[in-house]
Amino acid sequence: MAVVKDHFSEYLDEAAKEDVVITRHGRPAGVLVGFRTEDDWFDYRLENDPAFLKRIERARQSLRTGQGVPWPDIEPQAAGCEQVSDKPRRKPPTTHR
């Protein structure tokens, strides 16, 4: 245990790249999971949140039974999205002072 305490930051750095298996008496006892960014931490929390996983499963089930809304039927403005256009965007004029 002293080795882990002395080198914990190194183990965290390694865990950001891949999970580190922790053993006790040569047998797996746990996993050290690291995160490169806060987004990785957020994703991990969602992926392991039972309430979120239940919502995803309910949504998938409704799609399997034909209760979903086809993508083309979704109104971009109603969803708070910007209208998608095939036209290239014009650059805003630059102002000089």
PDB file of N, CA and C in Angstrom:
ATOM      1  N   MET A   1       0.812  -1.185   0.000  1.00  0.00           N
ATOM      2  CA  MET A   1       0.000   0.000   0.000  1.00  0.00           C
ATOM      3  C   MET A   1       0.863   1.260   0.000  1.00  0.00           C
ATOM      4  N   ALA A   2       2.008   1.199   0.624  1.00  0.00           N
ATOM      5  CA  ALA A   2       2.891   2.369   0.671  1.00  0.00           C
ATOM      6  C   ALA A   2       3.367   2.746  -0.725  1.00  0.00           C
ATOM      7  N   VAL A   3       3.584   1.751  -1.582  1.00  0.00           N
ATOM      8  CA  VAL A   3       4.024   2.024  -2.952  1.00  0.00           C
ATOM      9  C   VAL A   3       2.962   2.835  -3.677  1.00  0.00           C
ATOM     10  N   VAL A   4       1.708   2.455  -3.515  1.00  0.00           N
ATOM     11  CA  VAL A   4       0.615   3.176  -4.168  1.00  0.00           C
ATOM     12  C   VAL A   4       0.552   4.605  -3.651  1.00  0.00           C
ATOM     13  N   LYS A   5       0.646   4.785  -2.351  1.00  0.00           N
ATOM     14  CA  LYS A   5       0.586   6.128  -1.771  1.00  0.00           C
ATOM     15  C   LYS A   5       1.727   6.999  -2.302  1.00  0.00           C
ATOM     16  N   ASP A   6       2.906   6.431  -2.415  1.00  0.00           N
ATOM     17  CA  ASP A   6       4.069   7.190  -2.868  1.00  0.00           C
ATOM     18  C   ASP A   6       3.999   7.567  -4.346  1.00  0.00           C
ATOM     19  N   HIS A   7       3.258   6.801  -5.130  1.00  0.00           N
ATOM     20  CA  HIS A   7       3.224   7.012  -6.584  1.00  0.00           C
ATOM     21  C   HIS A   7       1.799   7.218  -7.109  1.00  0.00           C
ATOM     22  N   PHE A   8       0.899   7.681  -6.248  1.00  0.00           N
ATOM     23  CA  PHE A   8      -0.509   7.778  -6.632  1.00  0.00           C
ATOM     24  C   PHE A   8      -0.736   8.671  -7.848  1.00  0.00           C
ATOM     25  N   SER A   9      -0.047   9.797  -7.923  1.00  0.00           N
ATOM     26  CA  SER A   9      -0.255  10.689  -9.072  1.00  0.00           C
ATOM     27  C   SER A   9       0.173  10.005 -10.376  1.00  0.00           C
ATOM     28  N   GLU A  10       1.191   9.169 -10.315  1.00  0.00           N
ATOM     29  CA  GLU A  10       1.604   8.423 -11.508  1.00  0.00           C
ATOM     30  C   GLU A  10       0.518   7.422 -11.929  1.00  0.00           C
ATOM     31  N   TYR A  11      -0.096   6.776 -10.933  1.00  0.00           N
ATOM     32  CA  TYR A  11      -1.183   5.845 -11.240  1.00  0.00           C
ATOM     33  C   TYR A  11      -2.380   6.583 -11.846  1.00  0.00           C
ATOM     34  N   LEU A  12      -2.658   7.776 -11.345  1.00  0.00           N
ATOM     35  CA  LEU A  12      -3.748   8.572 -11.917  1.00  0.00           C
ATOM     36  C   LEU A  12      -3.445   8.959 -13.358  1.00  0.00           C
ATOM     37  N   ASP A  13      -2.210   9.336 -13.632  1.00  0.00           N
ATOM     38  CA  ASP A  13      -1.819   9.660 -15.005  1.00  0.00           C
ATOM     39  C   ASP A  13      -2.017   8.441 -15.917  1.00  0.00           C
ATOM     40  N   GLU A  14      -1.611   7.282 -15.426  1.00  0.00           N
ATOM     41  CA  GLU A  14      -1.766   6.058 -16.205  1.00  0.00           C
ATOM     42  C   GLU A  14      -3.254   5.720 -16.384  1.00  0.00           C
ATOM     43  N   ALA A  15      -4.051   5.927 -15.353  1.00  0.00           N
ATOM     44  CA  ALA A  15      -5.481   5.627 -15.418  1.00  0.00           C
ATOM     45  C   ALA A  15      -6.206   6.534 -16.400  1.00  0.00           C
ATOM     46  N   ALA A  16      -5.669   7.726 -16.670  1.00  0.00           N
ATOM     47  CA  ALA A  16      -6.278   8.613 -17.665  1.00  0.00           C
ATOM     48  C   ALA A  16      -6.131   8.027 -19.063  1.00  0.00           C
ATOM     49  N   LYS A  17      -5.154   7.143 -19.242  1.00  0.00           N
ATOM     50  CA  LYS A  17      -4.933   6.507 -20.547  1.00  0.00           C
ATOM     51  C   LYS A  17      -5.695   5.184 -20.652  1.00  0.00           C
ATOM     52  N   GLU A  18      -5.712   4.419 -19.564  1.00  0.00           N
ATOM     53  CA  GLU A  18      -6.416   3.138 -19.531  1.00  0.00           C
ATOM     54  C   GLU A  18      -6.701   2.776 -18.078  1.00  0.00           C
ATOM     55  N   ASP A  19      -7.740   1.985 -17.870  1.00  0.00           N
ATOM     56  CA  ASP A  19      -8.094   1.581 -16.512  1.00  0.00           C
ATOM     57  C   ASP A  19      -6.935   0.822 -15.866  1.00  0.00           C
ATOM     58  N   VAL A  20      -6.713   1.060 -14.584  1.00  0.00           N
ATOM     59  CA  VAL A  20      -5.658   0.374 -13.830  1.00  0.00           C
ATOM     60  C   VAL A  20      -6.340  -0.593 -12.866  1.00  0.00           C
ATOM     61  N   VAL A  21      -6.056  -1.883 -13.007  1.00  0.00           N
ATOM     62  CA  VAL A  21      -6.644  -2.898 -12.143  1.00  0.00           C
ATOM     63  C   VAL A  21      -5.841  -2.951 -10.851  1.00  0.00           C
ATOM     64  N   ILE A  22      -6.549  -2.878  -9.743  1.00  0.00           N
ATOM     65  CA  ILE A  22      -5.930  -2.942  -8.412  1.00  0.00           C
ATOM     66  C   ILE A  22      -6.131  -4.361  -7.892  1.00  0.00           C
ATOM     67  N   THR A  23      -5.050  -4.969  -7.435  1.00  0.00           N
ATOM     68  CA  THR A  23      -5.154  -6.337  -6.937  1.00  0.00           C
ATOM     69  C   THR A  23      -4.864  -6.391  -5.440  1.00  0.00           C
ATOM     70  N   ARG A  24      -5.421  -7.403  -4.830  1.00  0.00           N
ATOM     71  CA  ARG A  24      -5.139  -7.704  -3.426  1.00  0.00           C
ATOM     72  C   ARG A  24      -4.775  -9.179  -3.377  1.00  0.00           C
ATOM     73  N   HIS A  25      -3.569  -9.467  -2.928  1.00  0.00           N
ATOM     74  CA  HIS A  25      -3.058 -10.839  -2.879  1.00  0.00           C
ATOM     75  C   HIS A  25      -3.119 -11.486  -4.259  1.00  0.00           C
ATOM     76  N   GLY A  26      -2.833 -10.678  -5.298  1.00  0.00           N
ATOM     77  CA  GLY A  26      -2.774 -11.195  -6.653  1.00  0.00           C
ATOM     78  C   GLY A  26      -4.117 -11.346  -7.359  1.00  0.00           C
ATOM     79  N   ARG A  27      -5.201 -10.959  -6.673  1.00  0.00           N
ATOM     80  CA  ARG A  27      -6.533 -11.083  -7.282  1.00  0.00           C
ATOM     81  C   ARG A  27      -7.133  -9.702  -7.512  1.00  0.00           C
ATOM     82  N   PRO A  28      -7.856  -9.527  -8.615  1.00  0.00           N
ATOM     83  CA  PRO A  28      -8.471  -8.215  -8.873  1.00  0.00           C
ATOM     84  C   PRO A  28      -9.386  -7.799  -7.715  1.00  0.00           C
ATOM     85  N   ALA A  29      -9.200  -6.569  -7.248  1.00  0.00           N
ATOM     86  CA  ALA A  29     -10.007  -6.061  -6.133  1.00  0.00           C
ATOM     87  C   ALA A  29     -10.703  -4.755  -6.487  1.00  0.00           C
ATOM     88  N   GLY A  30     -10.270  -4.112  -7.545  1.00  0.00           N
ATOM     89  CA  GLY A  30     -10.892  -2.855  -7.941  1.00  0.00           C
ATOM     90  C   GLY A  30     -10.250  -2.315  -9.198  1.00  0.00           C
ATOM     91  N   VAL A  31     -10.774  -1.181  -9.643  1.00  0.00           N
ATOM     92  CA  VAL A  31     -10.264  -0.541 -10.850  1.00  0.00           C
ATOM     93  C   VAL A  31     -10.122   0.946 -10.584  1.00  0.00           C
ATOM     94  N   LEU A  32      -8.988   1.509 -10.972  1.00  0.00           N
ATOM     95  CA  LEU A  32      -8.771   2.950 -10.897  1.00  0.00           C
ATOM     96  C   LEU A  32      -9.070   3.502 -12.287  1.00  0.00           C
ATOM     97  N   VAL A  33     -10.082   4.360 -12.362  1.00  0.00           N
ATOM     98  CA  VAL A  33     -10.499   4.941 -13.632  1.00  0.00           C
ATOM     99  C   VAL A  33     -10.104   6.407 -13.619  1.00  0.00           C
ATOM    100  N   GLY A  34      -9.345   6.830 -14.607  1.00  0.00           N
ATOM    101  CA  GLY A  34      -8.919   8.222 -14.698  1.00  0.00           C
ATOM    102  C   GLY A  34      -9.667   8.950 -15.801  1.00  0.00           C
ATOM    103  N   PHE A  35      -9.596  10.265 -15.769  1.00  0.00           N
ATOM    104  CA  PHE A  35     -10.271  11.088 -16.755  1.00  0.00           C
ATOM    105  C   PHE A  35      -9.302  12.129 -17.277  1.00  0.00           C
ATOM    106  N   ARG A  36      -9.266  12.283 -18.591  1.00  0.00           N
ATOM    107  CA  ARG A  36      -8.387  13.289 -19.201  1.00  0.00           C
ATOM    108  C   ARG A  36      -8.989  14.677 -19.082  1.00  0.00           C
ATOM    109  N   THR A  37     -10.315  14.749 -19.171  1.00  0.00           N
ATOM    110  CA  THR A  37     -10.988  16.052 -19.132  1.00  0.00           C
ATOM    111  C   THR A  37     -12.215  15.963 -18.240  1.00  0.00           C
ATOM    112  N   GLU A  38     -12.803  17.109 -17.936  1.00  0.00           N
ATOM    113  CA  GLU A  38     -14.053  17.126 -17.182  1.00  0.00           C
ATOM    114  C   GLU A  38     -15.183  16.508 -17.994  1.00  0.00           C
ATOM    115  N   ASP A  39     -15.118  16.629 -19.320  1.00  0.00           N
ATOM    116  CA  ASP A  39     -16.127  16.004 -20.173  1.00  0.00           C
ATOM    117  C   ASP A  39     -16.086  14.489 -20.028  1.00  0.00           C
ATOM    118  N   ASP A  40     -14.881  13.926 -19.923  1.00  0.00           N
ATOM    119  CA  ASP A  40     -14.755  12.485 -19.704  1.00  0.00           C
ATOM    120  C   ASP A  40     -15.420  12.087 -18.384  1.00  0.00           C
ATOM    121  N   TRP A  41     -15.228  12.888 -17.354  1.00  0.00           N
ATOM    122  CA  TRP A  41     -15.845  12.642 -16.048  1.00  0.00           C
ATOM    123  C   TRP A  41     -17.365  12.697 -16.167  1.00  0.00           C
ATOM    124  N   PHE A  42     -17.884  13.702 -16.879  1.00  0.00           N
ATOM    125  CA  PHE A  42     -19.321  13.840 -17.083  1.00  0.00           C
ATOM    126  C   PHE A  42     -19.871  12.627 -17.838  1.00  0.00           C
ATOM    127  N   ASP A  43     -19.188  12.218 -18.916  1.00  0.00           N
ATOM    128  CA  ASP A  43     -19.614  11.052 -19.690  1.00  0.00           C
ATOM    129  C   ASP A  43     -19.644   9.796 -18.823  1.00  0.00           C
ATOM    130  N   TYR A  44     -18.627   9.615 -18.006  1.00  0.00           N
ATOM    131  CA  TYR A  44     -18.552   8.444 -17.126  1.00  0.00           C
ATOM    132  C   TYR A  44     -19.737   8.430 -16.166  1.00  0.00           C
ATOM    133  N   ARG A  45     -20.044   9.591 -15.606  1.00  0.00           N
ATOM    134  CA  ARG A  45     -21.169   9.675 -14.671  1.00  0.00           C
ATOM    135  C   ARG A  45     -22.477   9.323 -15.370  1.00  0.00           C
ATOM    136  N   LEU A  46     -22.685   9.833 -16.597  1.00  0.00           N
ATOM    137  CA  LEU A  46     -23.910   9.495 -17.327  1.00  0.00           C
ATOM    138  C   LEU A  46     -23.978   8.005 -17.648  1.00  0.00           C
ATOM    139  N   GLU A  47     -22.873   7.463 -18.124  1.00  0.00           N
ATOM    140  CA  GLU A  47     -22.837   6.055 -18.522  1.00  0.00           C
ATOM    141  C   GLU A  47     -23.088   5.116 -17.347  1.00  0.00           C
ATOM    142  N   ASN A  48     -22.924   5.591 -16.135  1.00  0.00           N
ATOM    143  CA  ASN A  48     -23.089   4.759 -14.951  1.00  0.00           C
ATOM    144  C   ASN A  48     -24.234   5.220 -14.059  1.00  0.00           C
ATOM    145  N   ASP A  49     -25.092   6.089 -14.565  1.00  0.00           N
ATOM    146  CA  ASP A  49     -26.224   6.598 -13.800  1.00  0.00           C
ATOM    147  C   ASP A  49     -27.455   5.740 -14.113  1.00  0.00           C
ATOM    148  N   PRO A  50     -27.954   4.974 -13.143  1.00  0.00           N
ATOM    149  CA  PRO A  50     -29.087   4.089 -13.402  1.00  0.00           C
ATOM    150  C   PRO A  50     -30.324   4.829 -13.937  1.00  0.00           C
ATOM    151  N   ALA A  51     -30.612   6.014 -13.432  1.00  0.00           N
ATOM    152  CA  ALA A  51     -31.781   6.764 -13.910  1.00  0.00           C
ATOM    153  C   ALA A  51     -31.614   7.157 -15.376  1.00  0.00           C
ATOM    154  N   PHE A  52     -30.414   7.603 -15.754  1.00  0.00           N
ATOM    155  CA  PHE A  52     -30.156   7.968 -17.150  1.00  0.00           C
ATOM    156  C   PHE A  52     -30.260   6.752 -18.058  1.00  0.00           C
ATOM    157  N   LEU A  53     -29.691   5.628 -17.624  1.00  0.00           N
ATOM    158  CA  LEU A  53     -29.741   4.405 -18.422  1.00  0.00           C
ATOM    159  C   LEU A  53     -31.179   3.922 -18.612  1.00  0.00           C
ATOM    160  N   LYS A  54     -32.026   4.091 -17.593  1.00  0.00           N
ATOM    161  CA  LYS A  54     -33.439   3.723 -17.725  1.00  0.00           C
ATOM    162  C   LYS A  54     -34.132   4.613 -18.748  1.00  0.00           C
ATOM    163  N   ARG A  55     -33.826   5.912 -18.738  1.00  0.00           N
ATOM    164  CA  ARG A  55     -34.421   6.825 -19.720  1.00  0.00           C
ATOM    165  C   ARG A  55     -34.017   6.433 -21.138  1.00  0.00           C
ATOM    166  N   ILE A  56     -32.757   6.092 -21.320  1.00  0.00           N
ATOM    167  CA  ILE A  56     -32.274   5.671 -22.643  1.00  0.00           C
ATOM    168  C   ILE A  56     -33.009   4.406 -23.089  1.00  0.00           C
ATOM    169  N   GLU A  57     -33.154   3.444 -22.180  1.00  0.00           N
ATOM    170  CA  GLU A  57     -33.837   2.203 -22.542  1.00  0.00           C
ATOM    171  C   GLU A  57     -35.307   2.455 -22.881  1.00  0.00           C
ATOM    172  N   ARG A  58     -35.979   3.336 -22.136  1.00  0.00           N
ATOM    173  CA  ARG A  58     -37.375   3.663 -22.456  1.00  0.00           C
ATOM    174  C   ARG A  58     -37.466   4.307 -23.838  1.00  0.00           C
ATOM    175  N   ALA A  59     -36.538   5.203 -24.148  1.00  0.00           N
ATOM    176  CA  ALA A  59     -36.538   5.868 -25.460  1.00  0.00           C
ATOM    177  C   ALA A  59     -36.304   4.847 -26.568  1.00  0.00           C
ATOM    178  N   ARG A  60     -35.375   3.937 -26.367  1.00  0.00           N
ATOM    179  CA  ARG A  60     -35.102   2.911 -27.382  1.00  0.00           C
ATOM    180  C   ARG A  60     -36.315   2.005 -27.574  1.00  0.00           C
ATOM    181  N   GLN A  61     -36.971   1.663 -26.472  1.00  0.00           N
ATOM    182  CA  GLN A  61     -38.162   0.809 -26.557  1.00  0.00           C
ATOM    183  C   GLN A  61     -39.274   1.512 -27.335  1.00  0.00           C
ATOM    184  N   SER A  62     -39.458   2.809 -27.103  1.00  0.00           N
ATOM    185  CA  SER A  62     -40.504   3.530 -27.835  1.00  0.00           C
ATOM    186  C   SER A  62     -40.170   3.583 -29.328  1.00  0.00           C
ATOM    187  N   LEU A  63     -38.896   3.691 -29.668  1.00  0.00           N
ATOM    188  CA  LEU A  63     -38.505   3.669 -31.084  1.00  0.00           C
ATOM    189  C   LEU A  63     -38.772   2.295 -31.706  1.00  0.00           C
ATOM    190  N   ARG A  64     -38.470   1.229 -30.953  1.00  0.00           N
ATOM    191  CA  ARG A  64     -38.706  -0.126 -31.467  1.00  0.00           C
ATOM    192  C   ARG A  64     -40.190  -0.379 -31.726  1.00  0.00           C
ATOM    193  N   THR A  65     -41.055   0.254 -30.954  1.00  0.00           N
ATOM    194  CA  THR A  65     -42.498   0.045 -31.128  1.00  0.00           C
ATOM    195  C   THR A  65     -43.122   1.080 -32.057  1.00  0.00           C
ATOM    196  N   GLY A  66     -42.276   1.879 -32.717  1.00  0.00           N
ATOM    197  CA  GLY A  66     -42.780   2.831 -33.700  1.00  0.00           C
ATOM    198  C   GLY A  66     -43.347   4.109 -33.118  1.00  0.00           C
ATOM    199  N   GLN A  67     -43.032   4.424 -31.883  1.00  0.00           N
ATOM    200  CA  GLN A  67     -43.575   5.614 -31.244  1.00  0.00           C
ATOM    201  C   GLN A  67     -42.654   6.819 -31.354  1.00  0.00           C
ATOM    202  N   GLY A  68     -41.560   6.686 -32.057  1.00  0.00           N
ATOM    203  CA  GLY A  68     -40.626   7.798 -32.204  1.00  0.00           C
ATOM    204  C   GLY A  68     -41.095   8.796 -33.243  1.00  0.00           C
ATOM    205  N   VAL A  69     -40.411   9.914 -33.335  1.00  0.00           N
ATOM    206  CA  VAL A  69     -40.694  10.948 -34.324  1.00  0.00           C
ATOM    207  C   VAL A  69     -39.601  10.891 -35.382  1.00  0.00           C
ATOM    208  N   PRO A  70     -39.974  10.743 -36.659  1.00  0.00           N
ATOM    209  CA  PRO A  70     -38.952  10.708 -37.714  1.00  0.00           C
ATOM    210  C   PRO A  70     -38.142  12.009 -37.732  1.00  0.00           C
ATOM    211  N   TRP A  71     -36.868  11.883 -37.949  1.00  0.00           N
ATOM    212  CA  TRP A  71     -35.970  13.038 -37.936  1.00  0.00           C
ATOM    213  C   TRP A  71     -36.435  14.180 -38.842  1.00  0.00           C
ATOM    214  N   PRO A  72     -36.878  13.914 -40.074  1.00  0.00           N
ATOM    215  CA  PRO A  72     -37.306  15.019 -40.947  1.00  0.00           C
ATOM    216  C   PRO A  72     -38.509  15.791 -40.397  1.00  0.00           C
ATOM    217  N   ASP A  73     -39.278  15.177 -39.494  1.00  0.00           N
ATOM    218  CA  ASP A  73     -40.464  15.835 -38.943  1.00  0.00           C
ATOM    219  C   ASP A  73     -40.141  16.792 -37.796  1.00  0.00           C
ATOM    220  N   ILE A  74     -38.925  16.777 -37.349  1.00  0.00           N
ATOM    221  CA  ILE A  74     -38.562  17.636 -36.219  1.00  0.00           C
ATOM    222  C   ILE A  74     -38.335  19.049 -36.712  1.00  0.00           C
ATOM    223  N   GLU A  75     -38.995  20.007 -36.095  1.00  0.00           N
ATOM    224  CA  GLU A  75     -38.856  21.424 -36.451  1.00  0.00           C
ATOM    225  C   GLU A  75     -37.605  21.980 -35.776  1.00  0.00           C
ATOM    226  N   PRO A  76     -36.609  22.433 -36.540  1.00  0.00           N
ATOM    227  CA  PRO A  76     -35.388  22.966 -35.911  1.00  0.00           C
ATOM    228  C   PRO A  76     -35.667  24.129 -34.955  1.00  0.00           C
ATOM    229  N   GLN A  77     -36.569  25.026 -35.305  1.00  0.00           N
ATOM    230  CA  GLN A  77     -36.840  26.165 -34.428  1.00  0.00           C
ATOM    231  C   GLN A  77     -37.503  25.703 -33.137  1.00  0.00           C
ATOM    232  N   ALA A  78     -38.401  24.729 -33.223  1.00  0.00           N
ATOM    233  CA  ALA A  78     -39.098  24.252 -32.037  1.00  0.00           C
ATOM    234  C   ALA A  78     -38.140  23.565 -31.076  1.00  0.00           C
ATOM    235  N   ALA A  79     -37.115  22.966 -31.607  1.00  0.00           N
ATOM    236  CA  ALA A  79     -36.149  22.265 -30.766  1.00  0.00           C
ATOM    237  C   ALA A  79     -35.054  23.195 -30.258  1.00  0.00           C
ATOM    238  N   GLY A  80     -35.161  24.488 -30.594  1.00  0.00           N
ATOM    239  CA  GLY A  80     -34.145  25.428 -30.148  1.00  0.00           C
ATOM    240  C   GLY A  80     -32.885  25.369 -30.979  1.00  0.00           C
ATOM    241  N   CYS A  81     -32.988  24.807 -32.179  1.00  0.00           N
ATOM    242  CA  CYS A  81     -31.829  24.675 -33.053  1.00  0.00           C
ATOM    243  C   CYS A  81     -31.879  25.736 -34.141  1.00  0.00           C
ATOM    244  N   GLU A  82     -30.757  25.937 -34.713  1.00  0.00           N
ATOM    245  CA  GLU A  82     -30.629  26.869 -35.825  1.00  0.00           C
ATOM    246  C   GLU A  82     -31.097  26.181 -37.103  1.00  0.00           C
ATOM    247  N   GLN A  83     -31.742  26.917 -38.002  1.00  0.00           N
ATOM    248  CA  GLN A  83     -32.177  26.362 -39.276  1.00  0.00           C
ATOM    249  C   GLN A  83     -30.956  25.930 -40.087  1.00  0.00           C
ATOM    250  N   VAL A  84     -30.983  24.737 -40.616  1.00  0.00           N
ATOM    251  CA  VAL A  84     -29.887  24.226 -41.425  1.00  0.00           C
ATOM    252  C   VAL A  84     -30.140  24.617 -42.876  1.00  0.00           C
ATOM    253  N   SER A  85     -29.113  25.107 -43.538  1.00  0.00           N
ATOM    254  CA  SER A  85     -29.249  25.539 -44.916  1.00  0.00           C
ATOM    255  C   SER A  85     -28.113  24.972 -45.739  1.00  0.00           C
ATOM    256  N   ASP A  86     -28.390  24.756 -47.035  1.00  0.00           N
ATOM    257  CA  ASP A  86     -27.339  24.292 -47.942  1.00  0.00           C
ATOM    258  C   ASP A  86     -26.455  25.441 -48.407  1.00  0.00           C
ATOM    259  N   LYS A  87     -26.931  26.667 -48.213  1.00  0.00           N
ATOM    260  CA  LYS A  87     -26.183  27.837 -48.666  1.00  0.00           C
ATOM    261  C   LYS A  87     -25.011  28.108 -47.732  1.00  0.00           C
ATOM    262  N   PRO A  88     -23.860  28.509 -48.289  1.00  0.00           N
ATOM    263  CA  PRO A  88     -22.734  28.857 -47.419  1.00  0.00           C
ATOM    264  C   PRO A  88     -23.073  30.113 -46.608  1.00  0.00           C
ATOM    265  N   ARG A  89     -22.565  30.159 -45.413  1.00  0.00           N
ATOM    266  CA  ARG A  89     -22.799  31.326 -44.567  1.00  0.00           C
ATOM    267  C   ARG A  89     -21.964  32.497 -45.024  1.00  0.00           C
ATOM    268  N   ARG A  90     -22.566  33.669 -44.945  1.00  0.00           N
ATOM    269  CA  ARG A  90     -21.830  34.890 -45.243  1.00  0.00           C
ATOM    270  C   ARG A  90     -21.067  35.306 -44.005  1.00  0.00           C
ATOM    271  N   LYS A  91     -19.865  35.781 -44.213  1.00  0.00           N
ATOM    272  CA  LYS A  91     -19.082  36.285 -43.092  1.00  0.00           C
ATOM    273  C   LYS A  91     -19.662  37.623 -42.666  1.00  0.00           C
ATOM    274  N   PRO A  92     -19.715  37.896 -41.366  1.00  0.00           N
ATOM    275  CA  PRO A  92     -20.206  39.199 -40.919  1.00  0.00           C
ATOM    276  C   PRO A  92     -19.229  40.297 -41.351  1.00  0.00           C
ATOM    277  N   PRO A  93     -19.745  41.488 -41.631  1.00  0.00           N
ATOM    278  CA  PRO A  93     -18.849  42.564 -42.037  1.00  0.00           C
ATOM    279  C   PRO A  93     -17.907  42.949 -40.899  1.00  0.00           C
ATOM    280  N   THR A  94     -16.718  43.302 -41.270  1.00  0.00           N
ATOM    281  CA  THR A  94     -15.762  43.749 -40.255  1.00  0.00           C
ATOM    282  C   THR A  94     -15.872  45.264 -40.118  1.00  0.00           C
ATOM    283  N   THR A  95     -15.744  45.719 -38.921  1.00  0.00           N
ATOM    284  CA  THR A  95     -15.806  47.154 -38.680  1.00  0.00           C
ATOM    285  C   THR A  95     -14.429  47.668 -38.297  1.00  0.00           C
ATOM    286  N   HIS A  96     -14.068  48.780 -38.860  1.00  0.00           N
ATOM    287  CA  HIS A  96     -12.787  49.385 -38.539  1.00  0.00           C
ATOM    288  C   HIS A  96     -13.048  50.691 -37.807  1.00  0.00           C
ATOM    289  N   ARG A  97     -12.277  50.936 -36.829  1.00  0.00           N
ATOM    290  CA  ARG A  97     -12.425  52.192 -36.078  1.00  0.00           C
ATOM    291  C   ARG A  97     -11.280  53.104 -36.353  1.00  0.00           C
TER     292      ARG A  97
END
